[in-house]
Structure formats: C-alpha cells, structure tokens
C-alpha atoms as a PDB file:
ATOM      1  CA  UNK A   1     -29.476  20.177   9.191  1.00  0.00           C
ATOM      2  CA  UNK A   2     -28.928  20.871   5.500  1.00  0.00           C
ATOM      3  CA  UNK A   3     -25.776  19.377   4.006  1.00  0.00           C
ATOM      4  CA  UNK A   4     -24.546  22.719   2.691  1.00  0.00           C
ATOM      5  CA  UNK A   5     -24.809  24.153   6.230  1.00  0.00           C
ATOM      6  CA  UNK A   6     -22.786  21.359   7.861  1.00  0.00           C
ATOM      7  CA  UNK A   7     -19.177  22.109   8.868  1.00  0.00           C
ATOM      8  CA  UNK A   8     -18.184  18.560   7.929  1.00  0.00           C
ATOM      9  CA  UNK A   9     -19.877  15.984   5.737  1.00  0.00           C
ATOM     10  CA  UNK A  10     -19.338  12.241   5.661  1.00  0.00           C
ATOM     11  CA  UNK A  11     -18.778  11.383   1.995  1.00  0.00           C
ATOM     12  CA  UNK A  12     -19.425   7.707   1.327  1.00  0.00           C
ATOM     13  CA  UNK A  13     -18.043   6.103  -1.821  1.00  0.00           C
ATOM     14  CA  UNK A  14     -18.320   2.496  -2.921  1.00  0.00           C
ATOM     15  CA  UNK A  15     -15.712  -0.163  -3.586  1.00  0.00           C
ATOM     16  CA  UNK A  16     -16.193  -2.498  -6.542  1.00  0.00           C
ATOM     17  CA  UNK A  17     -17.517  -5.048  -4.040  1.00  0.00           C
ATOM     18  CA  UNK A  18     -20.232  -2.586  -2.988  1.00  0.00           C
ATOM     19  CA  UNK A  19     -18.619  -2.001   0.410  1.00  0.00           C
ATOM     20  CA  UNK A  20     -19.091   1.558   1.660  1.00  0.00           C
ATOM     21  CA  UNK A  21     -16.080   3.737   2.568  1.00  0.00           C
ATOM     22  CA  UNK A  22     -16.817   6.993   4.405  1.00  0.00           C
ATOM     23  CA  UNK A  23     -14.521  10.001   4.756  1.00  0.00           C
ATOM     24  CA  UNK A  24     -15.189  13.333   6.497  1.00  0.00           C
ATOM     25  CA  UNK A  25     -14.747  16.228   4.050  1.00  0.00           C
ATOM     26  CA  UNK A  26     -15.238  19.959   3.741  1.00  0.00           C
ATOM     27  CA  UNK A  27     -18.012  20.819   1.349  1.00  0.00           C
ATOM     28  CA  UNK A  28     -19.114  23.970  -0.417  1.00  0.00           C
ATOM     29  CA  UNK A  29     -22.100  24.999  -2.486  1.00  0.00           C
ATOM     30  CA  UNK A  30     -21.582  25.933  -6.130  1.00  0.00           C
ATOM     31  CA  UNK A  31     -24.958  26.757  -7.627  1.00  0.00           C
ATOM     32  CA  UNK A  32     -27.150  23.661  -7.447  1.00  0.00           C
ATOM     33  CA  UNK A  33     -24.172  21.378  -6.787  1.00  0.00           C
ATOM     34  CA  UNK A  34     -21.882  20.681  -3.874  1.00  0.00           C
ATOM     35  CA  UNK A  35     -18.111  20.619  -4.307  1.00  0.00           C
ATOM     36  CA  UNK A  36     -15.304  18.803  -2.538  1.00  0.00           C
ATOM     37  CA  UNK A  37     -11.589  19.332  -3.082  1.00  0.00           C
ATOM     38  CA  UNK A  38      -9.487  16.167  -2.745  1.00  0.00           C
ATOM     39  CA  UNK A  39      -5.984  14.877  -3.539  1.00  0.00           C
ATOM     40  CA  UNK A  40      -5.915  13.373  -7.043  1.00  0.00           C
ATOM     41  CA  UNK A  41      -4.391  10.116  -5.783  1.00  0.00           C
ATOM     42  CA  UNK A  42      -6.851   9.516  -2.955  1.00  0.00           C
ATOM     43  CA  UNK A  43      -8.769   6.282  -2.579  1.00  0.00           C
ATOM     44  CA  UNK A  44     -12.082   8.067  -3.021  1.00  0.00           C
ATOM     45  CA  UNK A  45     -10.996   9.223  -6.484  1.00  0.00           C
ATOM     46  CA  UNK A  46     -10.198   5.655  -7.526  1.00  0.00           C
ATOM     47  CA  UNK A  47     -13.523   4.432  -6.168  1.00  0.00           C
ATOM     48  CA  UNK A  48     -15.427   7.224  -7.929  1.00  0.00           C
ATOM     49  CA  UNK A  49     -13.802   6.368 -11.240  1.00  0.00           C
ATOM     50  CA  UNK A  50     -15.380   2.923 -10.918  1.00  0.00           C
ATOM     51  CA  UNK A  51     -18.703   4.027  -9.400  1.00  0.00           C
ATOM     52  CA  UNK A  52     -19.877   7.670  -9.233  1.00  0.00           C
ATOM     53  CA  UNK A  53     -22.527   7.012  -6.568  1.00  0.00           C
ATOM     54  CA  UNK A  54     -22.062   8.798  -3.245  1.00  0.00           C
ATOM     55  CA  UNK A  55     -23.944   9.184  -0.001  1.00  0.00           C
ATOM     56  CA  UNK A  56     -23.662  12.301   2.142  1.00  0.00           C
ATOM     57  CA  UNK A  57     -24.437  12.856   5.824  1.00  0.00           C
ATOM     58  CA  UNK A  58     -23.597  15.726   8.166  1.00  0.00           C
ATOM     59  CA  UNK A  59     -20.880  14.567  10.562  1.00  0.00           C
ATOM     60  CA  UNK A  60     -18.353  15.705  13.146  1.00  0.00           C
ATOM     61  CA  UNK A  61     -14.746  16.700  12.471  1.00  0.00           C
ATOM     62  CA  UNK A  62     -13.573  13.086  12.665  1.00  0.00           C
ATOM     63  CA  UNK A  63     -16.452  11.552  10.704  1.00  0.00           C
ATOM     64  CA  UNK A  64     -18.873  10.605  13.494  1.00  0.00           C
ATOM     65  CA  UNK A  65     -22.429  10.637  12.155  1.00  0.00           C
ATOM     66  CA  UNK A  66     -25.280  11.181  14.610  1.00  0.00           C
ATOM     67  CA  UNK A  67     -27.588   8.227  15.072  1.00  0.00           C
ATOM     68  CA  UNK A  68     -30.631   8.221  12.815  1.00  0.00           C
ATOM     69  CA  UNK A  69     -29.232  10.635  10.224  1.00  0.00           C
ATOM     70  CA  UNK A  70     -30.427   9.609   6.780  1.00  0.00           C
ATOM     71  CA  UNK A  71     -27.984   9.478   3.885  1.00  0.00           C
ATOM     72  CA  UNK A  72     -28.541  11.812   0.955  1.00  0.00           C
ATOM     73  CA  UNK A  73     -27.717   9.978  -2.286  1.00  0.00           C
ATOM     74  CA  UNK A  74     -25.881  11.702  -5.105  1.00  0.00           C
ATOM     75  CA  UNK A  75     -23.465  11.309  -7.981  1.00  0.00           C
ATOM     76  CA  UNK A  76     -19.957  12.722  -8.088  1.00  0.00           C
ATOM     77  CA  UNK A  77     -18.272  13.938 -11.222  1.00  0.00           C
ATOM     78  CA  UNK A  78     -14.477  14.217 -11.206  1.00  0.00           C
ATOM     79  CA  UNK A  79     -13.274  17.610 -12.435  1.00  0.00           C
ATOM     80  CA  UNK A  80      -9.582  17.925 -13.251  1.00  0.00           C
ATOM     81  CA  UNK A  81      -9.281  21.100 -15.314  1.00  0.00           C
ATOM     82  CA  UNK A  82      -7.301  23.896 -13.641  1.00  0.00           C
ATOM     83  CA  UNK A  83     -10.328  26.205 -13.946  1.00  0.00           C
ATOM     84  CA  UNK A  84     -12.649  23.704 -12.221  1.00  0.00           C
ATOM     85  CA  UNK A  85     -10.133  23.009  -9.454  1.00  0.00           C
ATOM     86  CA  UNK A  86      -9.551  26.755  -8.917  1.00  0.00           C
ATOM     87  CA  UNK A  87     -13.303  27.333  -8.705  1.00  0.00           C
ATOM     88  CA  UNK A  88     -13.689  24.501  -6.175  1.00  0.00           C
ATOM     89  CA  UNK A  89     -10.726  25.817  -4.164  1.00  0.00           C
ATOM     90  CA  UNK A  90     -12.311  29.293  -4.054  1.00  0.00           C
ATOM     91  CA  UNK A  91     -15.641  27.787  -2.968  1.00  0.00           C
ATOM     92  CA  UNK A  92     -13.988  25.845  -0.149  1.00  0.00           C
ATOM     93  CA  UNK A  93     -11.972  28.908   0.923  1.00  0.00           C
ATOM     94  CA  UNK A  94     -15.191  30.928   1.198  1.00  0.00           C
ATOM     95  CA  UNK A  95     -16.808  28.196   3.296  1.00  0.00           C
ATOM     96  CA  UNK A  96     -13.718  27.576   5.477  1.00  0.00           C
ATOM     97  CA  UNK A  97     -11.655  30.793   5.314  1.00  0.00           C
ATOM     98  CA  UNK A  98      -9.305  30.098   8.221  1.00  0.00           C
ATOM     99  CA  UNK A  99      -9.246  26.301   8.257  1.00  0.00           C
ATOM    100  CA  UNK A 100      -8.552  25.853   4.544  1.00  0.00           C
ATOM    101  CA  UNK A 101      -5.645  28.286   4.498  1.00  0.00           C
ATOM    102  CA  UNK A 102      -4.170  26.789   7.657  1.00  0.00           C
ATOM    103  CA  UNK A 103      -4.471  23.125   6.673  1.00  0.00           C
ATOM    104  CA  UNK A 104      -3.422  23.567   3.040  1.00  0.00           C
ATOM    105  CA  UNK A 105      -0.604  25.916   4.084  1.00  0.00           C
ATOM    106  CA  UNK A 106       0.788  23.352   6.537  1.00  0.00           C
ATOM    107  CA  UNK A 107       0.486  20.673   3.853  1.00  0.00           C
ATOM    108  CA  UNK A 108       2.525  22.793   1.409  1.00  0.00           C
ATOM    109  CA  UNK A 109       5.164  23.523   4.061  1.00  0.00           C
ATOM    110  CA  UNK A 110       5.577  19.821   4.883  1.00  0.00           C
ATOM    111  CA  UNK A 111       5.847  18.987   1.168  1.00  0.00           C
ATOM    112  CA  UNK A 112       8.598  21.591   0.732  1.00  0.00           C
ATOM    113  CA  UNK A 113      10.503  20.390   3.791  1.00  0.00           C
ATOM    114  CA  UNK A 114      10.353  16.814   2.521  1.00  0.00           C
ATOM    115  CA  UNK A 115      11.261  17.832  -1.030  1.00  0.00           C
ATOM    116  CA  UNK A 116       8.025  16.479  -2.458  1.00  0.00           C
ATOM    117  CA  UNK A 117       6.051  17.993  -5.321  1.00  0.00           C
ATOM    118  CA  UNK A 118       2.883  19.858  -4.455  1.00  0.00           C
ATOM    119  CA  UNK A 119      -0.149  17.600  -4.014  1.00  0.00           C
ATOM    120  CA  UNK A 120      -2.311  17.639  -7.125  1.00  0.00           C
ATOM    121  CA  UNK A 121      -5.964  18.146  -6.304  1.00  0.00           C
ATOM    122  CA  UNK A 122      -9.146  17.686  -8.204  1.00  0.00           C
ATOM    123  CA  UNK A 123     -12.704  18.758  -7.643  1.00  0.00           C
ATOM    124  CA  UNK A 124     -15.693  16.540  -7.030  1.00  0.00           C
ATOM    125  CA  UNK A 125     -18.927  18.048  -8.297  1.00  0.00           C
ATOM    126  CA  UNK A 126     -21.790  16.360  -6.466  1.00  0.00           C
ATOM    127  CA  UNK A 127     -25.364  16.456  -7.696  1.00  0.00           C
END
C-alpha cells in the first residue's frame, strides 16, 4: 500500500536519546510532499524541532502497524505561516472530508465549552 493511499499513517519521530515515538495521523498529498496537520504544542513538534527525521508506515486507526511493513524514511519541515496551515488544512479536508470536519468541530466545541482558546495548529511538510 502506498502511504498517500493509507487512511492512517504511523508517524515516527525521534527523541534526543534516539528513542522512537510513533503516532497515528491523517496524511494528505501536496504535490511531491505529504502533509500532516498537528497541534502546535504537541510532543511531535518539539521532537521535530530537535530532529527532523521521520519514519512513516501505513497503520490502523489506533496506530497498529501490520507485521513486516517497512518504514519509509523522510524529513519533516515545520510550517507555521497561516497560508501554509490553511493549505494543509484544505489538503486534509479533501482526504478526510467527513472525519476532519467532525473531529475538528468537536474539538472546537469542547474548547468553547471549557473557555479555552482555539488550538493553534501547524503543518508538517514531509519529503
């Protein structure tokens, strides 16, 4: 299965110690790159600031990777400009039209009910 065709992808980032940390994410294709939308304060963002290496594998909704699936290495670039984030958001919405609106809509509702500011997101451009 091609990564861009997978419903979920296990995105592995690296701690300073070299330890791998994997997270299931939605992914979309933007030209020759793949994009991920993530909260700006997430652990993966902190790890990527220290080390831009990533590994990608198709996975299930909760991150389970099938046995024998090889990792695809890449590099992630953090994109924070409103234009880049909007482009990534549009890419993810095209790939996950129902799921993205539902999940992000519920997130916004919970933030409003709790009186919290809207979660800032940034884009990961993976090559």
